[in-house]
């Protein structure tokens, strides 16, 4: 439990510090590894908790959860109209509930950000 709490505390500031110097859409890829035998629970939490919370945010464009075949490795893609609106999501009460719920189903999580080049719609 202590390790999980430490991971949550470390990743939350990391997400909050990711400022991209781009004027348009941004996409965040979150790499997750499900706990042993916990793939269905990770998928359930994404569908029932995380996606509903992120999809109602201002500037939300889309999100997808993808699984590497025959593994417990996932990538969640989140896209927002601007980095400022993504940062607003990170600071929201919805994020403070949804992210820990999703992260609790994993053994590791990391993230990487991108500027969206095409399509811009």
N, C-alpha and C. Protein backbone atom coordinates (compact mmCIF):
# COMPACT_ATOMS: atom_id res chain seq x y z
N UNK A 1 0.83 -1.19 0.00
CA UNK A 1 0.00 0.00 0.00
C UNK A 1 0.87 1.25 0.00
N UNK A 2 1.93 1.23 0.79
CA UNK A 2 2.82 2.40 0.86
C UNK A 2 3.45 2.66 -0.51
N UNK A 3 3.85 1.59 -1.22
CA UNK A 3 4.44 1.73 -2.53
C UNK A 3 3.45 2.34 -3.52
N UNK A 4 2.20 1.90 -3.47
CA UNK A 4 1.17 2.44 -4.35
C UNK A 4 0.95 3.92 -4.08
N UNK A 5 0.88 4.30 -2.81
CA UNK A 5 0.69 5.70 -2.44
C UNK A 5 1.86 6.54 -2.94
N UNK A 6 3.07 6.03 -2.79
CA UNK A 6 4.24 6.74 -3.28
C UNK A 6 4.17 6.94 -4.79
N UNK A 7 3.77 5.89 -5.51
CA UNK A 7 3.65 5.99 -6.97
C UNK A 7 2.60 7.02 -7.36
N UNK A 8 1.49 7.04 -6.67
CA UNK A 8 0.44 8.02 -6.96
C UNK A 8 0.95 9.43 -6.74
N UNK A 9 1.64 9.64 -5.65
CA UNK A 9 2.15 10.97 -5.33
C UNK A 9 3.21 11.42 -6.31
N UNK A 10 4.00 10.48 -6.83
CA UNK A 10 5.03 10.84 -7.79
C UNK A 10 4.46 11.12 -9.17
N UNK A 11 3.50 10.33 -9.62
CA UNK A 11 2.96 10.52 -10.96
C UNK A 11 2.04 11.72 -11.04
N UNK A 12 1.29 12.00 -10.00
CA UNK A 12 0.38 13.16 -10.03
C UNK A 12 1.15 14.46 -10.26
N UNK A 13 2.24 14.75 -9.51
CA UNK A 13 3.00 15.97 -9.79
C UNK A 13 3.62 15.94 -11.18
N UNK A 14 4.06 14.77 -11.65
CA UNK A 14 4.63 14.66 -12.98
C UNK A 14 3.61 15.11 -14.02
N UNK A 15 2.38 14.61 -13.92
CA UNK A 15 1.34 15.00 -14.87
C UNK A 15 1.05 16.48 -14.77
N UNK A 16 1.06 17.02 -13.57
CA UNK A 16 0.76 18.43 -13.36
C UNK A 16 1.87 19.32 -13.91
N UNK A 17 3.10 18.81 -14.02
CA UNK A 17 4.22 19.61 -14.48
C UNK A 17 4.42 19.54 -15.99
N UNK A 18 3.74 18.66 -16.64
CA UNK A 18 3.96 18.51 -18.08
C UNK A 18 3.31 19.66 -18.83
N UNK A 19 4.07 20.68 -19.10
CA UNK A 19 3.59 21.80 -19.89
C UNK A 19 4.25 21.73 -21.26
N UNK A 20 3.44 21.62 -22.30
CA UNK A 20 3.95 21.56 -23.65
C UNK A 20 3.81 22.94 -24.28
N UNK A 21 4.84 23.38 -24.94
CA UNK A 21 4.83 24.68 -25.57
C UNK A 21 4.27 24.56 -26.98
N UNK A 22 2.98 24.23 -27.06
CA UNK A 22 2.31 24.11 -28.35
C UNK A 22 1.00 24.89 -28.28
N UNK A 23 0.58 25.38 -29.43
CA UNK A 23 -0.63 26.21 -29.45
C UNK A 23 -1.90 25.41 -29.72
N UNK A 24 -1.76 24.20 -30.20
CA UNK A 24 -2.94 23.44 -30.58
C UNK A 24 -3.17 22.22 -29.72
N UNK A 25 -3.81 21.21 -30.30
CA UNK A 25 -4.17 20.01 -29.56
C UNK A 25 -2.96 19.26 -29.02
N UNK A 26 -3.18 18.58 -27.90
CA UNK A 26 -2.15 17.75 -27.29
C UNK A 26 -2.72 16.36 -27.03
N UNK A 27 -1.83 15.39 -26.98
CA UNK A 27 -2.24 14.04 -26.65
C UNK A 27 -1.27 13.48 -25.64
N UNK A 28 -1.81 12.82 -24.63
CA UNK A 28 -1.01 12.18 -23.61
C UNK A 28 -1.20 10.68 -23.75
N UNK A 29 -0.09 9.95 -23.78
CA UNK A 29 -0.13 8.49 -23.78
C UNK A 29 0.29 8.04 -22.39
N UNK A 30 -0.59 7.28 -21.75
CA UNK A 30 -0.31 6.77 -20.41
C UNK A 30 -0.11 5.27 -20.54
N UNK A 31 1.08 4.81 -20.18
CA UNK A 31 1.43 3.39 -20.30
C UNK A 31 1.17 2.72 -18.96
N UNK A 32 0.35 1.67 -18.97
CA UNK A 32 -0.09 0.99 -17.76
C UNK A 32 0.20 -0.49 -17.85
N UNK A 33 0.50 -1.09 -16.72
CA UNK A 33 0.61 -2.56 -16.63
C UNK A 33 -0.38 -3.01 -15.57
N UNK A 34 -1.31 -3.86 -15.96
CA UNK A 34 -2.34 -4.35 -15.03
C UNK A 34 -1.71 -5.28 -14.00
N UNK A 35 -2.29 -5.24 -12.81
CA UNK A 35 -1.89 -6.21 -11.78
C UNK A 35 -2.16 -7.61 -12.30
N UNK A 36 -1.41 -8.59 -11.79
CA UNK A 36 -1.57 -9.98 -12.23
C UNK A 36 -3.03 -10.40 -12.13
N UNK A 37 -3.58 -10.83 -13.26
CA UNK A 37 -4.97 -11.26 -13.30
C UNK A 37 -5.98 -10.13 -13.22
N UNK A 38 -5.52 -8.89 -13.26
CA UNK A 38 -6.41 -7.75 -13.08
C UNK A 38 -6.79 -6.99 -14.34
N UNK A 39 -6.61 -7.62 -15.48
CA UNK A 39 -6.90 -6.94 -16.74
C UNK A 39 -8.36 -6.50 -16.84
N UNK A 40 -9.27 -7.38 -16.48
CA UNK A 40 -10.70 -7.05 -16.57
C UNK A 40 -11.05 -5.90 -15.64
N UNK A 41 -10.43 -5.86 -14.46
CA UNK A 41 -10.70 -4.77 -13.51
C UNK A 41 -10.16 -3.44 -14.04
N UNK A 42 -8.97 -3.44 -14.60
CA UNK A 42 -8.43 -2.22 -15.20
C UNK A 42 -9.38 -1.72 -16.29
N UNK A 43 -9.82 -2.61 -17.15
CA UNK A 43 -10.72 -2.23 -18.24
C UNK A 43 -12.05 -1.72 -17.69
N UNK A 44 -12.57 -2.35 -16.65
CA UNK A 44 -13.84 -1.91 -16.06
C UNK A 44 -13.69 -0.50 -15.47
N UNK A 45 -12.62 -0.26 -14.74
CA UNK A 45 -12.42 1.06 -14.11
C UNK A 45 -12.24 2.13 -15.18
N UNK A 46 -11.52 1.81 -16.25
CA UNK A 46 -11.37 2.79 -17.34
C UNK A 46 -12.74 3.13 -17.93
N UNK A 47 -13.55 2.11 -18.23
CA UNK A 47 -14.86 2.32 -18.86
C UNK A 47 -15.87 2.99 -17.94
N UNK A 48 -15.90 2.59 -16.67
CA UNK A 48 -16.96 3.04 -15.75
C UNK A 48 -16.57 4.25 -14.90
N UNK A 49 -15.29 4.49 -14.71
CA UNK A 49 -14.86 5.58 -13.82
C UNK A 49 -14.04 6.63 -14.59
N UNK A 50 -12.92 6.18 -15.20
CA UNK A 50 -11.99 7.13 -15.80
C UNK A 50 -12.57 7.83 -17.03
N UNK A 51 -13.06 7.04 -18.00
CA UNK A 51 -13.57 7.65 -19.23
C UNK A 51 -14.74 8.61 -18.97
N UNK A 52 -15.73 8.24 -18.17
CA UNK A 52 -16.81 9.21 -17.92
C UNK A 52 -16.29 10.52 -17.29
N UNK A 53 -15.29 10.42 -16.43
CA UNK A 53 -14.75 11.63 -15.79
C UNK A 53 -13.99 12.50 -16.79
N UNK A 54 -13.12 11.91 -17.59
CA UNK A 54 -12.31 12.71 -18.52
C UNK A 54 -13.16 13.23 -19.68
N UNK A 55 -14.12 12.46 -20.14
CA UNK A 55 -14.88 12.85 -21.33
C UNK A 55 -15.81 14.03 -21.09
N UNK A 56 -16.09 14.37 -19.85
CA UNK A 56 -16.96 15.53 -19.59
C UNK A 56 -16.15 16.82 -19.36
N UNK A 57 -14.84 16.77 -19.54
CA UNK A 57 -14.00 17.93 -19.30
C UNK A 57 -14.01 18.88 -20.49
N UNK A 58 -13.89 20.16 -20.19
CA UNK A 58 -13.78 21.18 -21.24
C UNK A 58 -12.53 20.90 -22.07
N UNK A 59 -12.68 20.94 -23.38
CA UNK A 59 -11.55 20.75 -24.28
C UNK A 59 -11.21 19.30 -24.58
N UNK A 60 -11.96 18.36 -24.01
CA UNK A 60 -11.72 16.94 -24.27
C UNK A 60 -11.98 16.64 -25.73
N UNK A 61 -11.09 15.92 -26.37
CA UNK A 61 -11.25 15.53 -27.77
C UNK A 61 -11.58 14.04 -27.88
N UNK A 62 -10.77 13.20 -27.28
CA UNK A 62 -11.04 11.76 -27.30
C UNK A 62 -10.12 11.05 -26.32
N UNK A 63 -10.47 9.82 -26.02
CA UNK A 63 -9.63 8.95 -25.22
C UNK A 63 -9.89 7.52 -25.65
N UNK A 64 -8.84 6.74 -25.66
CA UNK A 64 -8.95 5.33 -26.00
C UNK A 64 -8.09 4.52 -25.04
N UNK A 65 -8.54 3.33 -24.71
CA UNK A 65 -7.73 2.39 -23.97
C UNK A 65 -7.37 1.27 -24.93
N UNK A 66 -6.07 1.01 -25.06
CA UNK A 66 -5.60 -0.03 -25.97
C UNK A 66 -4.78 -1.03 -25.18
N UNK A 67 -4.85 -2.29 -25.60
CA UNK A 67 -4.09 -3.36 -24.93
C UNK A 67 -3.18 -4.04 -25.94
N UNK A 68 -1.93 -4.20 -25.56
CA UNK A 68 -1.00 -4.95 -26.40
C UNK A 68 -1.44 -6.42 -26.34
N UNK A 69 -1.67 -7.06 -27.49
CA UNK A 69 -2.18 -8.43 -27.51
C UNK A 69 -1.34 -9.39 -26.67
N UNK A 70 -2.04 -10.27 -25.97
CA UNK A 70 -1.43 -11.33 -25.17
C UNK A 70 -0.53 -10.82 -24.04
N UNK A 71 -0.81 -9.61 -23.56
CA UNK A 71 -0.05 -9.05 -22.44
C UNK A 71 -1.01 -8.38 -21.47
N UNK A 72 -0.46 -7.87 -20.38
CA UNK A 72 -1.22 -7.05 -19.44
C UNK A 72 -0.81 -5.59 -19.58
N UNK A 73 -0.25 -5.23 -20.75
CA UNK A 73 0.22 -3.87 -21.01
C UNK A 73 -0.82 -3.07 -21.80
N UNK A 74 -1.08 -1.87 -21.30
CA UNK A 74 -2.10 -1.00 -21.88
C UNK A 74 -1.51 0.37 -22.19
N UNK A 75 -2.15 1.06 -23.13
CA UNK A 75 -1.89 2.47 -23.37
C UNK A 75 -3.23 3.18 -23.38
N UNK A 76 -3.36 4.20 -22.53
CA UNK A 76 -4.54 5.06 -22.56
C UNK A 76 -4.14 6.34 -23.28
N UNK A 77 -4.88 6.69 -24.31
CA UNK A 77 -4.62 7.92 -25.07
C UNK A 77 -5.64 8.96 -24.65
N UNK A 78 -5.17 10.14 -24.31
CA UNK A 78 -6.05 11.26 -23.95
C UNK A 78 -5.69 12.43 -24.83
N UNK A 79 -6.69 13.06 -25.43
CA UNK A 79 -6.43 14.21 -26.28
C UNK A 79 -7.31 15.38 -25.84
N UNK A 80 -6.68 16.56 -25.78
CA UNK A 80 -7.36 17.79 -25.41
C UNK A 80 -7.07 18.87 -26.45
N UNK A 81 -7.97 19.84 -26.56
CA UNK A 81 -7.80 20.93 -27.51
C UNK A 81 -6.55 21.75 -27.24
N UNK A 82 -6.19 21.92 -25.97
CA UNK A 82 -4.99 22.67 -25.60
C UNK A 82 -4.35 22.06 -24.36
N UNK A 83 -3.09 22.36 -24.16
CA UNK A 83 -2.39 21.92 -22.95
C UNK A 83 -3.00 22.56 -21.72
N UNK A 84 -3.44 23.80 -21.82
CA UNK A 84 -4.06 24.48 -20.68
C UNK A 84 -5.32 23.75 -20.22
N UNK A 85 -6.13 23.28 -21.17
CA UNK A 85 -7.34 22.54 -20.80
C UNK A 85 -7.01 21.16 -20.25
N UNK A 86 -5.94 20.54 -20.74
CA UNK A 86 -5.51 19.27 -20.16
C UNK A 86 -5.06 19.48 -18.72
N UNK A 87 -4.34 20.56 -18.47
CA UNK A 87 -3.88 20.87 -17.12
C UNK A 87 -5.06 21.17 -16.19
N UNK A 88 -6.11 21.77 -16.74
CA UNK A 88 -7.32 22.02 -15.95
C UNK A 88 -7.94 20.68 -15.53
N UNK A 89 -7.95 19.70 -16.42
CA UNK A 89 -8.43 18.36 -16.09
C UNK A 89 -7.57 17.75 -14.98
N UNK A 90 -6.26 17.86 -15.07
CA UNK A 90 -5.36 17.29 -14.06
C UNK A 90 -5.65 17.88 -12.68
N UNK A 91 -6.01 19.16 -12.64
CA UNK A 91 -6.28 19.83 -11.37
C UNK A 91 -7.71 19.63 -10.87
N UNK A 92 -8.56 18.99 -11.65
CA UNK A 92 -9.98 18.88 -11.30
C UNK A 92 -10.24 17.83 -10.22
N UNK A 93 -11.37 17.98 -9.54
CA UNK A 93 -11.81 16.97 -8.58
C UNK A 93 -12.05 15.63 -9.27
N UNK A 94 -12.58 15.67 -10.50
CA UNK A 94 -12.82 14.44 -11.26
C UNK A 94 -11.51 13.65 -11.43
N UNK A 95 -10.43 14.35 -11.77
CA UNK A 95 -9.14 13.69 -11.95
C UNK A 95 -8.64 13.12 -10.62
N UNK A 96 -8.85 13.86 -9.54
CA UNK A 96 -8.38 13.42 -8.23
C UNK A 96 -9.07 12.13 -7.77
N UNK A 97 -10.22 11.83 -8.34
CA UNK A 97 -10.92 10.58 -8.03
C UNK A 97 -10.64 9.50 -9.08
N UNK A 98 -10.69 9.89 -10.36
CA UNK A 98 -10.59 8.90 -11.44
C UNK A 98 -9.17 8.34 -11.60
N UNK A 99 -8.15 9.19 -11.53
CA UNK A 99 -6.79 8.71 -11.74
C UNK A 99 -6.37 7.71 -10.66
N UNK A 100 -6.55 8.00 -9.37
CA UNK A 100 -6.17 7.00 -8.37
C UNK A 100 -6.94 5.68 -8.52
N UNK A 101 -8.19 5.75 -8.93
CA UNK A 101 -8.98 4.52 -9.14
C UNK A 101 -8.36 3.68 -10.25
N UNK A 102 -7.97 4.33 -11.34
CA UNK A 102 -7.35 3.59 -12.45
C UNK A 102 -5.96 3.09 -12.05
N UNK A 103 -5.18 3.94 -11.44
CA UNK A 103 -3.82 3.57 -11.07
C UNK A 103 -3.80 2.43 -10.05
N UNK A 104 -4.82 2.32 -9.23
CA UNK A 104 -4.89 1.25 -8.23
C UNK A 104 -4.99 -0.13 -8.87
N UNK A 105 -5.32 -0.21 -10.16
CA UNK A 105 -5.43 -1.48 -10.86
C UNK A 105 -4.13 -1.87 -11.54
N UNK A 106 -3.07 -1.06 -11.36
CA UNK A 106 -1.83 -1.27 -12.10
C UNK A 106 -0.64 -1.56 -11.20
N UNK A 107 0.42 -2.07 -11.83
CA UNK A 107 1.70 -2.23 -11.13
C UNK A 107 2.68 -1.14 -11.53
N UNK A 108 2.41 -0.47 -12.64
CA UNK A 108 3.26 0.65 -13.06
C UNK A 108 2.48 1.54 -14.01
N UNK A 109 2.88 2.80 -14.02
CA UNK A 109 2.25 3.78 -14.91
C UNK A 109 3.29 4.84 -15.26
N UNK A 110 3.33 5.22 -16.51
CA UNK A 110 4.19 6.32 -16.96
C UNK A 110 3.45 7.04 -18.08
N UNK A 111 3.91 8.22 -18.42
CA UNK A 111 3.20 9.01 -19.42
C UNK A 111 4.18 9.74 -20.33
N UNK A 112 3.69 10.03 -21.54
CA UNK A 112 4.47 10.77 -22.52
C UNK A 112 3.50 11.68 -23.28
N UNK A 113 3.90 12.92 -23.52
CA UNK A 113 3.02 13.87 -24.19
C UNK A 113 3.45 14.16 -25.62
N UNK A 114 2.46 14.54 -26.43
CA UNK A 114 2.69 14.82 -27.84
C UNK A 114 1.89 16.04 -28.29
N UNK A 115 2.43 16.78 -29.24
CA UNK A 115 1.66 17.79 -29.95
C UNK A 115 0.96 17.10 -31.10
N UNK A 116 -0.32 17.38 -31.31
CA UNK A 116 -1.07 16.79 -32.42
C UNK A 116 -0.77 17.61 -33.67
N UNK A 117 -0.28 16.94 -34.70
CA UNK A 117 0.08 17.60 -35.96
C UNK A 117 -1.05 17.48 -36.98
N UNK A 118 -1.59 16.25 -37.09
CA UNK A 118 -2.63 16.01 -38.10
C UNK A 118 -3.45 14.80 -37.67
N UNK A 119 -4.72 14.79 -37.79
CA UNK A 119 -5.57 15.92 -38.16
C UNK A 119 -5.82 16.82 -36.97
N UNK A 120 -6.12 18.06 -37.24
CA UNK A 120 -6.34 19.03 -36.18
C UNK A 120 -7.80 19.17 -35.81
N UNK A 121 -8.72 18.53 -36.53
CA UNK A 121 -10.15 18.65 -36.23
C UNK A 121 -10.48 18.08 -34.87
